Amino acid sequence: MSKDRHIDGGGRIRYFGHACLVLQTAEGAFVTDPFIRADSSAQDRYTLDDLPDFIDLVLITHGHQDHIVLETLLQLRGRIGTIVVPRSSRGNLEDPSIGLYLKQLGFPVVEADDYDEFPFPGGKVVATPFLGEHCDLDIRSKSTYWVDLAGRSAFVGADSSGIDTTLYRYIREHLGTADIAFLGMECDGAPLTWLYQALLTKPVTKKMSNSRKLSGSNAEQAAAITTELGATEAYVYAMGEEPWLGHVMATTYNEDTYQIKQIEEFMTWCADREIKAGHLFGQQEWRW
């Protein structure tokens, strides 16, 4: 069991891999999209042994299999205060209720609409809109999150896209400037039929399927989000690059892959503007 699972003061964010962050004050803790390995012998990443005793909030950004992971959640069920999930559009087959799903498994759940606030010991969480990434389908159950934590602010963007930067301008006007932005840049995602084919009532052409993808932000969009939020730090989470995620994501990358090139372009854009940035992998910690 890790000896520094808790902190005595200030704030701390730990990156546990993929889209999972653990954010803490001395009084409490919450976790985004928990996807955590149980292997206590791992030296290159945080594991379940590094979590605090009690997790006040679990924030789920959307219902894709790499963001709501029962293998992790079931191991944490007795340690979670509340799971915050985005409210579905009700009645659409492509947009099932994440809340009902988790309630049936015995989890304490609260459904969030845009700009709902959730108090947290030492700060607050605000559910913010999530654009794109769902193949242009009518899916409402997706949310990004704004976090005020021990005097600093972070935007947890998950796979949200910067297809309309006006949204992020509104978020800043409503909530202020973000100190840190966490973004997803799987900008050439799987086609429509990869995840949603079973819901289609008639076949679609390959051209149509490929035109509606599960894509996050490219370099230009990530830069626009960072600019509109006024963030002085920006981090791109690993996009299934960890070897233990291959069976879930079905992705492989090399140095010439389009997604990797886009991340490098975004890192250069940040460096040119003296914005601290990084492409996350394994484990990382921010403390103040």
C-alpha atoms as a PDB file:
ATOM      1  CA  MET A   1       0.000   0.000   0.000  1.00  0.00           C
ATOM      2  CA  SER A   2       1.391   3.385  -1.001  1.00  0.00           C
ATOM      3  CA  LYS A   3       2.392   5.625   1.909  1.00  0.00           C
ATOM      4  CA  ASP A   4       1.421   8.889   0.194  1.00  0.00           C
ATOM      5  CA  ARG A   5      -2.162   8.142  -0.766  1.00  0.00           C
ATOM      6  CA  HIS A   6      -3.289  11.259   1.117  1.00  0.00           C
ATOM      7  CA  ILE A   7      -1.973  14.821   1.380  1.00  0.00           C
ATOM      8  CA  ASP A   8      -1.802  17.187   4.365  1.00  0.00           C
ATOM      9  CA  GLY A   9      -2.565  20.420   2.519  1.00  0.00           C
ATOM     10  CA  GLY A  10      -2.844  22.171  -0.836  1.00  0.00           C
ATOM     11  CA  GLY A  11      -3.913  20.277  -3.915  1.00  0.00           C
ATOM     12  CA  ARG A  12      -2.624  17.350  -5.932  1.00  0.00           C
ATOM     13  CA  ILE A  13      -3.491  15.761  -9.261  1.00  0.00           C
ATOM     14  CA  ARG A  14      -2.166  12.354 -10.217  1.00  0.00           C
ATOM     15  CA  TYR A  15      -2.396  10.814 -13.659  1.00  0.00           C
ATOM     16  CA  PHE A  16      -3.190   7.096 -13.441  1.00  0.00           C
ATOM     17  CA  GLY A  17      -3.155   6.393 -17.184  1.00  0.00           C
ATOM     18  CA  HIS A  18      -5.493   6.795 -20.147  1.00  0.00           C
ATOM     19  CA  ALA A  19      -8.161   9.364 -19.080  1.00  0.00           C
ATOM     20  CA  CYS A  20      -7.965   8.676 -15.335  1.00  0.00           C
ATOM     21  CA  LEU A  21      -7.026  11.492 -12.965  1.00  0.00           C
ATOM     22  CA  VAL A  22      -7.096  11.440  -9.172  1.00  0.00           C
ATOM     23  CA  LEU A  23      -7.569  14.944  -7.743  1.00  0.00           C
ATOM     24  CA  GLN A  24      -7.104  15.551  -4.030  1.00  0.00           C
ATOM     25  CA  THR A  25      -7.138  18.050  -1.204  1.00  0.00           C
ATOM     26  CA  ALA A  26      -6.409  17.271   2.421  1.00  0.00           C
ATOM     27  CA  GLU A  27     -10.153  16.895   2.991  1.00  0.00           C
ATOM     28  CA  GLY A  28     -11.234  14.791   0.046  1.00  0.00           C
ATOM     29  CA  ALA A  29     -10.600  13.155  -3.317  1.00  0.00           C
ATOM     30  CA  PHE A  30     -12.278  12.440  -6.614  1.00  0.00           C
ATOM     31  CA  VAL A  31     -11.448  10.410  -9.693  1.00  0.00           C
ATOM     32  CA  THR A  32     -12.234  10.896 -13.388  1.00  0.00           C
ATOM     33  CA  ASP A  33     -13.007   7.924 -15.642  1.00  0.00           C
ATOM     34  CA  PRO A  34     -11.347   5.328 -13.371  1.00  0.00           C
ATOM     35  CA  PHE A  35      -9.445   2.746 -15.392  1.00  0.00           C
ATOM     36  CA  ILE A  36      -6.806   1.510 -12.956  1.00  0.00           C
ATOM     37  CA  ARG A  37      -4.639  -1.546 -12.854  1.00  0.00           C
ATOM     38  CA  ALA A  38      -4.679  -3.698  -9.749  1.00  0.00           C
ATOM     39  CA  ASP A  39      -1.075  -4.922 -10.186  1.00  0.00           C
ATOM     40  CA  SER A  40       0.651  -3.660  -7.041  1.00  0.00           C
ATOM     41  CA  SER A  41       4.059  -4.640  -8.422  1.00  0.00           C
ATOM     42  CA  ALA A  42       3.898  -2.103 -11.272  1.00  0.00           C
ATOM     43  CA  GLN A  43       6.642   0.499 -10.962  1.00  0.00           C
ATOM     44  CA  ASP A  44       5.796   2.651 -13.978  1.00  0.00           C
ATOM     45  CA  ARG A  45       2.210   3.596 -13.096  1.00  0.00           C
ATOM     46  CA  TYR A  46      -0.094   4.183 -10.160  1.00  0.00           C
ATOM     47  CA  THR A  47      -2.338   1.276  -9.205  1.00  0.00           C
ATOM     48  CA  LEU A  48      -5.351   0.671  -6.952  1.00  0.00           C
ATOM     49  CA  ASP A  49      -2.935   0.662  -4.003  1.00  0.00           C
ATOM     50  CA  ASP A  50      -2.214   4.365  -4.599  1.00  0.00           C
ATOM     51  CA  LEU A  51      -5.823   5.499  -4.188  1.00  0.00           C
ATOM     52  CA  PRO A  52      -7.036   7.260  -1.022  1.00  0.00           C
ATOM     53  CA  ASP A  53      -9.196   5.324   1.442  1.00  0.00           C
ATOM     54  CA  PHE A  54     -12.381   7.142   0.415  1.00  0.00           C
ATOM     55  CA  ILE A  55     -13.315   8.719  -2.931  1.00  0.00           C
ATOM     56  CA  ASP A  56     -15.891  11.471  -2.540  1.00  0.00           C
ATOM     57  CA  LEU A  57     -16.779  11.717  -6.234  1.00  0.00           C
ATOM     58  CA  VAL A  58     -16.221   9.627  -9.333  1.00  0.00           C
ATOM     59  CA  LEU A  59     -16.750  11.626 -12.534  1.00  0.00           C
ATOM     60  CA  ILE A  60     -17.734   9.723 -15.684  1.00  0.00           C
ATOM     61  CA  THR A  61     -17.344  11.703 -18.902  1.00  0.00           C
ATOM     62  CA  HIS A  62     -19.177   9.340 -21.293  1.00  0.00           C
ATOM     63  CA  GLY A  63     -20.230   5.762 -21.822  1.00  0.00           C
ATOM     64  CA  HIS A  64     -17.510   4.389 -24.089  1.00  0.00           C
ATOM     65  CA  GLN A  65     -15.786   1.243 -22.865  1.00  0.00           C
ATOM     66  CA  ASP A  66     -12.472   2.949 -22.085  1.00  0.00           C
ATOM     67  CA  HIS A  67     -14.103   5.599 -19.866  1.00  0.00           C
ATOM     68  CA  ILE A  68     -16.623   3.625 -17.825  1.00  0.00           C
ATOM     69  CA  VAL A  69     -14.823   0.478 -16.756  1.00  0.00           C
ATOM     70  CA  LEU A  70     -16.696  -1.933 -14.501  1.00  0.00           C
ATOM     71  CA  GLU A  71     -13.572  -3.958 -13.746  1.00  0.00           C
ATOM     72  CA  THR A  72     -12.284  -0.910 -11.860  1.00  0.00           C
ATOM     73  CA  LEU A  73     -15.567   0.469 -10.514  1.00  0.00           C
ATOM     74  CA  LEU A  74     -16.648  -2.806  -8.913  1.00  0.00           C
ATOM     75  CA  GLN A  75     -13.389  -2.977  -6.996  1.00  0.00           C
ATOM     76  CA  LEU A  76     -14.041   0.525  -5.643  1.00  0.00           C
ATOM     77  CA  ARG A  77     -17.782   0.210  -4.920  1.00  0.00           C
ATOM     78  CA  GLY A  78     -17.436   0.294  -1.133  1.00  0.00           C
ATOM     79  CA  ARG A  79     -15.134   3.337  -1.204  1.00  0.00           C
ATOM     80  CA  ILE A  80     -17.150   5.711  -3.404  1.00  0.00           C
ATOM     81  CA  GLY A  81     -19.347   8.496  -2.069  1.00  0.00           C
ATOM     82  CA  THR A  82     -21.140   9.431  -5.315  1.00  0.00           C
ATOM     83  CA  ILE A  83     -20.700   8.738  -9.017  1.00  0.00           C
ATOM     84  CA  VAL A  84     -21.534  11.739 -11.218  1.00  0.00           C
ATOM     85  CA  VAL A  85     -22.700  10.766 -14.713  1.00  0.00           C
ATOM     86  CA  PRO A  86     -24.051  12.863 -17.607  1.00  0.00           C
ATOM     87  CA  ARG A  87     -27.805  12.668 -18.053  1.00  0.00           C
ATOM     88  CA  SER A  88     -28.956  10.801 -21.169  1.00  0.00           C
ATOM     89  CA  SER A  89     -31.477  12.086 -23.712  1.00  0.00           C
ATOM     90  CA  ARG A  90     -34.002   9.462 -22.547  1.00  0.00           C
ATOM     91  CA  GLY A  91     -35.346   6.845 -24.926  1.00  0.00           C
ATOM     92  CA  ASN A  92     -32.686   6.743 -27.641  1.00  0.00           C
ATOM     93  CA  LEU A  93     -31.124   3.334 -28.187  1.00  0.00           C
ATOM     94  CA  GLU A  94     -27.773   4.937 -28.967  1.00  0.00           C
ATOM     95  CA  ASP A  95     -27.903   6.936 -25.724  1.00  0.00           C
ATOM     96  CA  PRO A  96     -28.731   4.541 -22.861  1.00  0.00           C
ATOM     97  CA  SER A  97     -28.837   5.891 -19.319  1.00  0.00           C
ATOM     98  CA  ILE A  98     -25.474   5.500 -17.595  1.00  0.00           C
ATOM     99  CA  GLY A  99     -27.215   6.398 -14.335  1.00  0.00           C
ATOM    100  CA  LEU A 100     -29.739   3.545 -14.500  1.00  0.00           C
ATOM    101  CA  TYR A 101     -26.986   1.144 -15.491  1.00  0.00           C
ATOM    102  CA  LEU A 102     -24.838   1.968 -12.467  1.00  0.00           C
ATOM    103  CA  LYS A 103     -27.763   2.195 -10.021  1.00  0.00           C
ATOM    104  CA  GLN A 104     -28.744  -1.360 -10.888  1.00  0.00           C
ATOM    105  CA  LEU A 105     -25.246  -2.418  -9.846  1.00  0.00           C
ATOM    106  CA  GLY A 106     -25.608  -0.770  -6.451  1.00  0.00           C
ATOM    107  CA  PHE A 107     -23.659   2.439  -7.012  1.00  0.00           C
ATOM    108  CA  PRO A 108     -24.746   5.795  -5.550  1.00  0.00           C
ATOM    109  CA  VAL A 109     -25.359   7.913  -8.658  1.00  0.00           C
ATOM    110  CA  VAL A 110     -26.234  11.531  -9.464  1.00  0.00           C
ATOM    111  CA  GLU A 111     -27.056  12.565 -13.045  1.00  0.00           C
ATOM    112  CA  ALA A 112     -25.662  15.895 -14.222  1.00  0.00           C
ATOM    113  CA  ASP A 113     -26.927  18.455 -16.705  1.00  0.00           C
ATOM    114  CA  ASP A 114     -24.689  21.158 -18.158  1.00  0.00           C
ATOM    115  CA  TYR A 115     -23.383  23.556 -15.496  1.00  0.00           C
ATOM    116  CA  ASP A 116     -24.677  21.566 -12.546  1.00  0.00           C
ATOM    117  CA  GLU A 117     -22.339  22.061  -9.584  1.00  0.00           C
ATOM    118  CA  PHE A 118     -21.137  19.459  -7.113  1.00  0.00           C
ATOM    119  CA  PRO A 119     -19.438  20.561  -3.893  1.00  0.00           C
ATOM    120  CA  PHE A 120     -16.213  18.891  -2.946  1.00  0.00           C
ATOM    121  CA  PRO A 121     -14.130  19.237   0.231  1.00  0.00           C
ATOM    122  CA  GLY A 122     -11.682  21.978  -0.747  1.00  0.00           C
ATOM    123  CA  GLY A 123     -13.374  22.911  -4.013  1.00  0.00           C
ATOM    124  CA  LYS A 124     -16.177  22.177  -6.468  1.00  0.00           C
ATOM    125  CA  VAL A 125     -16.899  20.358  -9.721  1.00  0.00           C
ATOM    126  CA  VAL A 126     -19.027  21.782 -12.542  1.00  0.00           C
ATOM    127  CA  ALA A 127     -20.371  19.647 -15.392  1.00  0.00           C
ATOM    128  CA  THR A 128     -19.626  21.386 -18.698  1.00  0.00           C
ATOM    129  CA  PRO A 129     -20.709  20.583 -22.290  1.00  0.00           C
ATOM    130  CA  PHE A 130     -18.989  17.910 -24.385  1.00  0.00           C
ATOM    131  CA  LEU A 131     -18.784  18.395 -28.152  1.00  0.00           C
ATOM    132  CA  GLY A 132     -18.259  15.795 -30.860  1.00  0.00           C
ATOM    133  CA  GLU A 133     -16.594  12.337 -30.712  1.00  0.00           C
ATOM    134  CA  HIS A 134     -19.863  10.343 -30.954  1.00  0.00           C
ATOM    135  CA  CYS A 135     -20.191   9.964 -34.749  1.00  0.00           C
ATOM    136  CA  ASP A 136     -22.729  12.827 -34.996  1.00  0.00           C
ATOM    137  CA  LEU A 137     -25.367  10.692 -33.262  1.00  0.00           C
ATOM    138  CA  ASP A 138     -27.983  12.181 -30.940  1.00  0.00           C
ATOM    139  CA  ILE A 139     -26.126  11.294 -27.761  1.00  0.00           C
ATOM    140  CA  ARG A 140     -26.559  13.564 -24.752  1.00  0.00           C
ATOM    141  CA  SER A 141     -24.873  11.444 -22.064  1.00  0.00           C
ATOM    142  CA  LYS A 142     -21.447  13.015 -22.319  1.00  0.00           C
ATOM    143  CA  SER A 143     -19.868  15.692 -20.162  1.00  0.00           C
ATOM    144  CA  THR A 144     -16.596  17.438 -19.605  1.00  0.00           C
ATOM    145  CA  TYR A 145     -15.840  18.819 -16.145  1.00  0.00           C
ATOM    146  CA  TRP A 146     -14.489  22.016 -14.652  1.00  0.00           C
ATOM    147  CA  VAL A 147     -12.710  21.584 -11.342  1.00  0.00           C
ATOM    148  CA  ASP A 148     -11.863  24.198  -8.697  1.00  0.00           C
ATOM    149  CA  LEU A 149      -9.362  22.560  -6.363  1.00  0.00           C
ATOM    150  CA  ALA A 150      -7.374  24.228  -3.563  1.00  0.00           C
ATOM    151  CA  GLY A 151      -7.237  27.563  -5.376  1.00  0.00           C
ATOM    152  CA  ARG A 152      -6.518  26.262  -8.888  1.00  0.00           C
ATOM    153  CA  SER A 153      -8.806  25.355 -11.797  1.00  0.00           C
ATOM    154  CA  ALA A 154      -8.596  22.458 -14.226  1.00  0.00           C
ATOM    155  CA  PHE A 155     -10.633  21.568 -17.297  1.00  0.00           C
ATOM    156  CA  VAL A 156     -11.100  17.825 -17.835  1.00  0.00           C
ATOM    157  CA  GLY A 157     -11.896  17.582 -21.532  1.00  0.00           C
ATOM    158  CA  ALA A 158     -11.823  13.811 -22.090  1.00  0.00           C
ATOM    159  CA  ASP A 159     -12.466  13.145 -25.807  1.00  0.00           C
ATOM    160  CA  SER A 160     -14.338  16.381 -26.414  1.00  0.00           C
ATOM    161  CA  SER A 161     -13.577  18.152 -29.685  1.00  0.00           C
ATOM    162  CA  GLY A 162     -12.864  21.782 -30.457  1.00  0.00           C
ATOM    163  CA  ILE A 163     -15.171  21.814 -33.479  1.00  0.00           C
ATOM    164  CA  ASP A 164     -16.825  24.993 -32.153  1.00  0.00           C
ATOM    165  CA  THR A 165     -14.486  27.076 -30.031  1.00  0.00           C
ATOM    166  CA  THR A 166     -17.288  29.427 -28.991  1.00  0.00           C
ATOM    167  CA  LEU A 167     -18.306  26.846 -26.387  1.00  0.00           C
ATOM    168  CA  TYR A 168     -14.996  27.134 -24.560  1.00  0.00           C
ATOM    169  CA  ARG A 169     -15.227  30.915 -24.633  1.00  0.00           C
ATOM    170  CA  TYR A 170     -18.604  30.624 -22.878  1.00  0.00           C
ATOM    171  CA  ILE A 171     -17.128  28.220 -20.318  1.00  0.00           C
ATOM    172  CA  ARG A 172     -14.392  30.734 -19.526  1.00  0.00           C
ATOM    173  CA  GLU A 173     -16.902  33.603 -19.267  1.00  0.00           C
ATOM    174  CA  HIS A 174     -19.028  31.535 -16.897  1.00  0.00           C
ATOM    175  CA  LEU A 175     -16.331  29.885 -14.773  1.00  0.00           C
ATOM    176  CA  GLY A 176     -13.107  31.837 -15.265  1.00  0.00           C
ATOM    177  CA  THR A 177      -9.658  30.974 -16.575  1.00  0.00           C
ATOM    178  CA  ALA A 178      -8.407  27.403 -16.402  1.00  0.00           C
ATOM    179  CA  ASP A 179      -4.920  26.845 -15.006  1.00  0.00           C
ATOM    180  CA  ILE A 180      -4.641  23.369 -16.560  1.00  0.00           C
ATOM    181  CA  ALA A 181      -6.434  21.704 -19.481  1.00  0.00           C
ATOM    182  CA  PHE A 182      -6.509  17.922 -19.899  1.00  0.00           C
ATOM    183  CA  LEU A 183      -7.422  16.961 -23.461  1.00  0.00           C
ATOM    184  CA  GLY A 184      -7.953  13.903 -25.636  1.00  0.00           C
ATOM    185  CA  MET A 185      -6.434  13.932 -29.135  1.00  0.00           C
ATOM    186  CA  GLU A 186      -7.540  10.671 -30.708  1.00  0.00           C
ATOM    187  CA  CYS A 187      -8.212  12.790 -33.780  1.00  0.00           C
ATOM    188  CA  ASP A 188      -8.667   9.972 -36.296  1.00  0.00           C
ATOM    189  CA  GLY A 189     -11.034   7.753 -34.378  1.00  0.00           C
ATOM    190  CA  ALA A 190     -12.916   4.613 -35.310  1.00  0.00           C
ATOM    191  CA  PRO A 191     -15.725   4.887 -37.878  1.00  0.00           C
ATOM    192  CA  LEU A 192     -19.440   4.860 -37.084  1.00  0.00           C
ATOM    193  CA  THR A 193     -19.904   1.129 -37.647  1.00  0.00           C
ATOM    194  CA  TRP A 194     -17.038   0.118 -35.345  1.00  0.00           C
ATOM    195  CA  LEU A 195     -19.107   0.858 -32.244  1.00  0.00           C
ATOM    196  CA  TYR A 196     -22.659   1.568 -33.379  1.00  0.00           C
ATOM    197  CA  GLN A 197     -23.317  -0.838 -36.267  1.00  0.00           C
ATOM    198  CA  ALA A 198     -25.616  -3.056 -34.165  1.00  0.00           C
ATOM    199  CA  LEU A 199     -28.000  -0.110 -33.744  1.00  0.00           C
ATOM    200  CA  LEU A 200     -28.340   0.705 -37.434  1.00  0.00           C
ATOM    201  CA  THR A 201     -31.610  -0.315 -39.087  1.00  0.00           C
ATOM    202  CA  LYS A 202     -30.065  -0.534 -42.559  1.00  0.00           C
ATOM    203  CA  PRO A 203     -26.538  -0.872 -43.941  1.00  0.00           C
ATOM    204  CA  VAL A 204     -24.471   2.244 -44.518  1.00  0.00           C
ATOM    205  CA  THR A 205     -21.700   2.688 -47.053  1.00  0.00           C
ATOM    206  CA  LYS A 206     -18.086   2.618 -46.002  1.00  0.00           C
ATOM    207  CA  LYS A 207     -17.771   6.214 -47.175  1.00  0.00           C
ATOM    208  CA  MET A 208     -20.547   7.331 -44.829  1.00  0.00           C
ATOM    209  CA  SER A 209     -19.199   5.281 -41.931  1.00  0.00           C
ATOM    210  CA  ASN A 210     -15.728   6.768 -42.367  1.00  0.00           C
ATOM    211  CA  SER A 211     -17.124  10.299 -42.536  1.00  0.00           C
ATOM    212  CA  ARG A 212     -18.612  10.020 -39.029  1.00  0.00           C
ATOM    213  CA  LYS A 213     -15.887   9.029 -36.612  1.00  0.00           C
ATOM    214  CA  LEU A 214     -15.214   8.768 -32.881  1.00  0.00           C
ATOM    215  CA  SER A 215     -12.659  11.557 -33.078  1.00  0.00           C
ATOM    216  CA  GLY A 216     -11.378  13.957 -30.441  1.00  0.00           C
ATOM    217  CA  SER A 217      -9.433  17.162 -31.069  1.00  0.00           C
ATOM    218  CA  ASN A 218      -6.697  17.638 -33.646  1.00  0.00           C
ATOM    219  CA  ALA A 219      -3.828  20.073 -33.068  1.00  0.00           C
ATOM    220  CA  GLU A 220      -5.732  23.115 -34.299  1.00  0.00           C
ATOM    221  CA  GLN A 221      -8.768  22.317 -32.162  1.00  0.00           C
ATOM    222  CA  ALA A 222      -6.694  21.550 -29.055  1.00  0.00           C
ATOM    223  CA  ALA A 223      -4.903  24.873 -29.511  1.00  0.00           C
ATOM    224  CA  ALA A 224      -8.235  26.676 -29.826  1.00  0.00           C
ATOM    225  CA  ILE A 225      -9.558  25.073 -26.628  1.00  0.00           C
ATOM    226  CA  THR A 226      -6.390  26.014 -24.750  1.00  0.00           C
ATOM    227  CA  THR A 227      -6.589  29.585 -26.051  1.00  0.00           C
ATOM    228  CA  GLU A 228     -10.260  30.082 -25.228  1.00  0.00           C
ATOM    229  CA  LEU A 229      -9.843  28.682 -21.708  1.00  0.00           C
ATOM    230  CA  GLY A 230      -6.723  30.799 -21.124  1.00  0.00           C
ATOM    231  CA  ALA A 231      -4.884  27.715 -19.839  1.00  0.00           C
ATOM    232  CA  THR A 232      -1.197  28.063 -18.976  1.00  0.00           C
ATOM    233  CA  GLU A 233      -0.699  24.288 -18.926  1.00  0.00           C
ATOM    234  CA  ALA A 234      -2.118  21.658 -21.306  1.00  0.00           C
ATOM    235  CA  TYR A 235      -1.746  17.885 -21.242  1.00  0.00           C
ATOM    236  CA  VAL A 236      -2.851  15.232 -23.699  1.00  0.00           C
ATOM    237  CA  TYR A 237      -3.698  11.899 -22.123  1.00  0.00           C
ATOM    238  CA  ALA A 238      -2.484   8.623 -23.606  1.00  0.00           C
ATOM    239  CA  MET A 239      -4.896   7.373 -26.262  1.00  0.00           C
ATOM    240  CA  GLY A 240      -4.728   3.683 -25.530  1.00  0.00           C
ATOM    241  CA  GLU A 241      -0.968   3.745 -25.987  1.00  0.00           C
ATOM    242  CA  GLU A 242      -0.345   1.844 -22.770  1.00  0.00           C
ATOM    243  CA  PRO A 243       0.256  -1.800 -23.691  1.00  0.00           C
ATOM    244  CA  TRP A 244      -2.293  -3.044 -21.162  1.00  0.00           C
ATOM    245  CA  LEU A 245      -5.035  -1.120 -23.018  1.00  0.00           C
ATOM    246  CA  GLY A 246      -4.604  -2.785 -26.389  1.00  0.00           C
ATOM    247  CA  HIS A 247      -7.429  -5.275 -25.838  1.00  0.00           C
ATOM    248  CA  VAL A 248      -9.858  -2.421 -25.097  1.00  0.00           C
ATOM    249  CA  MET A 249      -8.836   0.218 -27.628  1.00  0.00           C
ATOM    250  CA  ALA A 250      -7.686  -1.928 -30.563  1.00  0.00           C
ATOM    251  CA  THR A 251      -5.229   0.805 -31.552  1.00  0.00           C
ATOM    252  CA  THR A 252      -1.557   0.849 -32.484  1.00  0.00           C
ATOM    253  CA  TYR A 253       0.666   3.851 -33.088  1.00  0.00           C
ATOM    254  CA  ASN A 254       4.127   4.642 -34.388  1.00  0.00           C
ATOM    255  CA  GLU A 255       6.051   7.885 -34.768  1.00  0.00           C
ATOM    256  CA  ASP A 256       4.476   8.543 -38.164  1.00  0.00           C
ATOM    257  CA  THR A 257       0.861   7.959 -37.109  1.00  0.00           C
ATOM    258  CA  TYR A 258      -1.414  10.927 -37.827  1.00  0.00           C
ATOM    259  CA  GLN A 259      -2.557  11.209 -34.202  1.00  0.00           C
ATOM    260  CA  ILE A 260       1.008  11.278 -32.898  1.00  0.00           C
ATOM    261  CA  LYS A 261       1.984  13.909 -35.472  1.00  0.00           C
ATOM    262  CA  GLN A 262      -0.965  16.048 -34.376  1.00  0.00           C
ATOM    263  CA  ILE A 263       0.076  15.794 -30.734  1.00  0.00           C
ATOM    264  CA  GLU A 264       3.628  16.815 -31.672  1.00  0.00           C
ATOM    265  CA  GLU A 265       2.217  19.801 -33.578  1.00  0.00           C
ATOM    266  CA  PHE A 266       0.193  20.804 -30.530  1.00  0.00           C
ATOM    267  CA  MET A 267       3.240  20.418 -28.247  1.00  0.00           C
ATOM    268  CA  THR A 268       5.192  22.737 -30.569  1.00  0.00           C
ATOM    269  CA  TRP A 269       2.330  25.248 -30.582  1.00  0.00           C
ATOM    270  CA  CYS A 270       2.348  25.263 -26.761  1.00  0.00           C
ATOM    271  CA  ALA A 271       6.136  25.621 -26.569  1.00  0.00           C
ATOM    272  CA  ASP A 272       6.065  28.606 -28.940  1.00  0.00           C
ATOM    273  CA  ARG A 273       3.648  30.323 -26.540  1.00  0.00           C
ATOM    274  CA  GLU A 274       5.411  29.270 -23.327  1.00  0.00           C
ATOM    275  CA  ILE A 275       2.496  27.068 -22.335  1.00  0.00           C
ATOM    276  CA  LYS A 276       3.692  24.138 -20.265  1.00  0.00           C
ATOM    277  CA  ALA A 277       2.523  20.975 -22.010  1.00  0.00           C
ATOM    278  CA  GLY A 278       3.010  17.249 -22.153  1.00  0.00           C
ATOM    279  CA  HIS A 279       1.887  14.019 -23.770  1.00  0.00           C
ATOM    280  CA  LEU A 280       0.991  11.870 -20.778  1.00  0.00           C
ATOM    281  CA  PHE A 281       1.949   8.242 -20.358  1.00  0.00           C
ATOM    282  CA  GLY A 282       2.255   5.992 -17.308  1.00  0.00           C
ATOM    283  CA  GLN A 283       2.156   8.254 -14.257  1.00  0.00           C
ATOM    284  CA  GLN A 284       2.582  11.934 -13.483  1.00  0.00           C
ATOM    285  CA  GLU A 285       1.897  14.248 -10.549  1.00  0.00           C
ATOM    286  CA  TRP A 286       1.085  17.939 -10.112  1.00  0.00           C
ATOM    287  CA  ARG A 287       1.262  19.439  -6.615  1.00  0.00           C
ATOM    288  CA  TRP A 288       0.677  22.920  -5.201  1.00  0.00           C
END
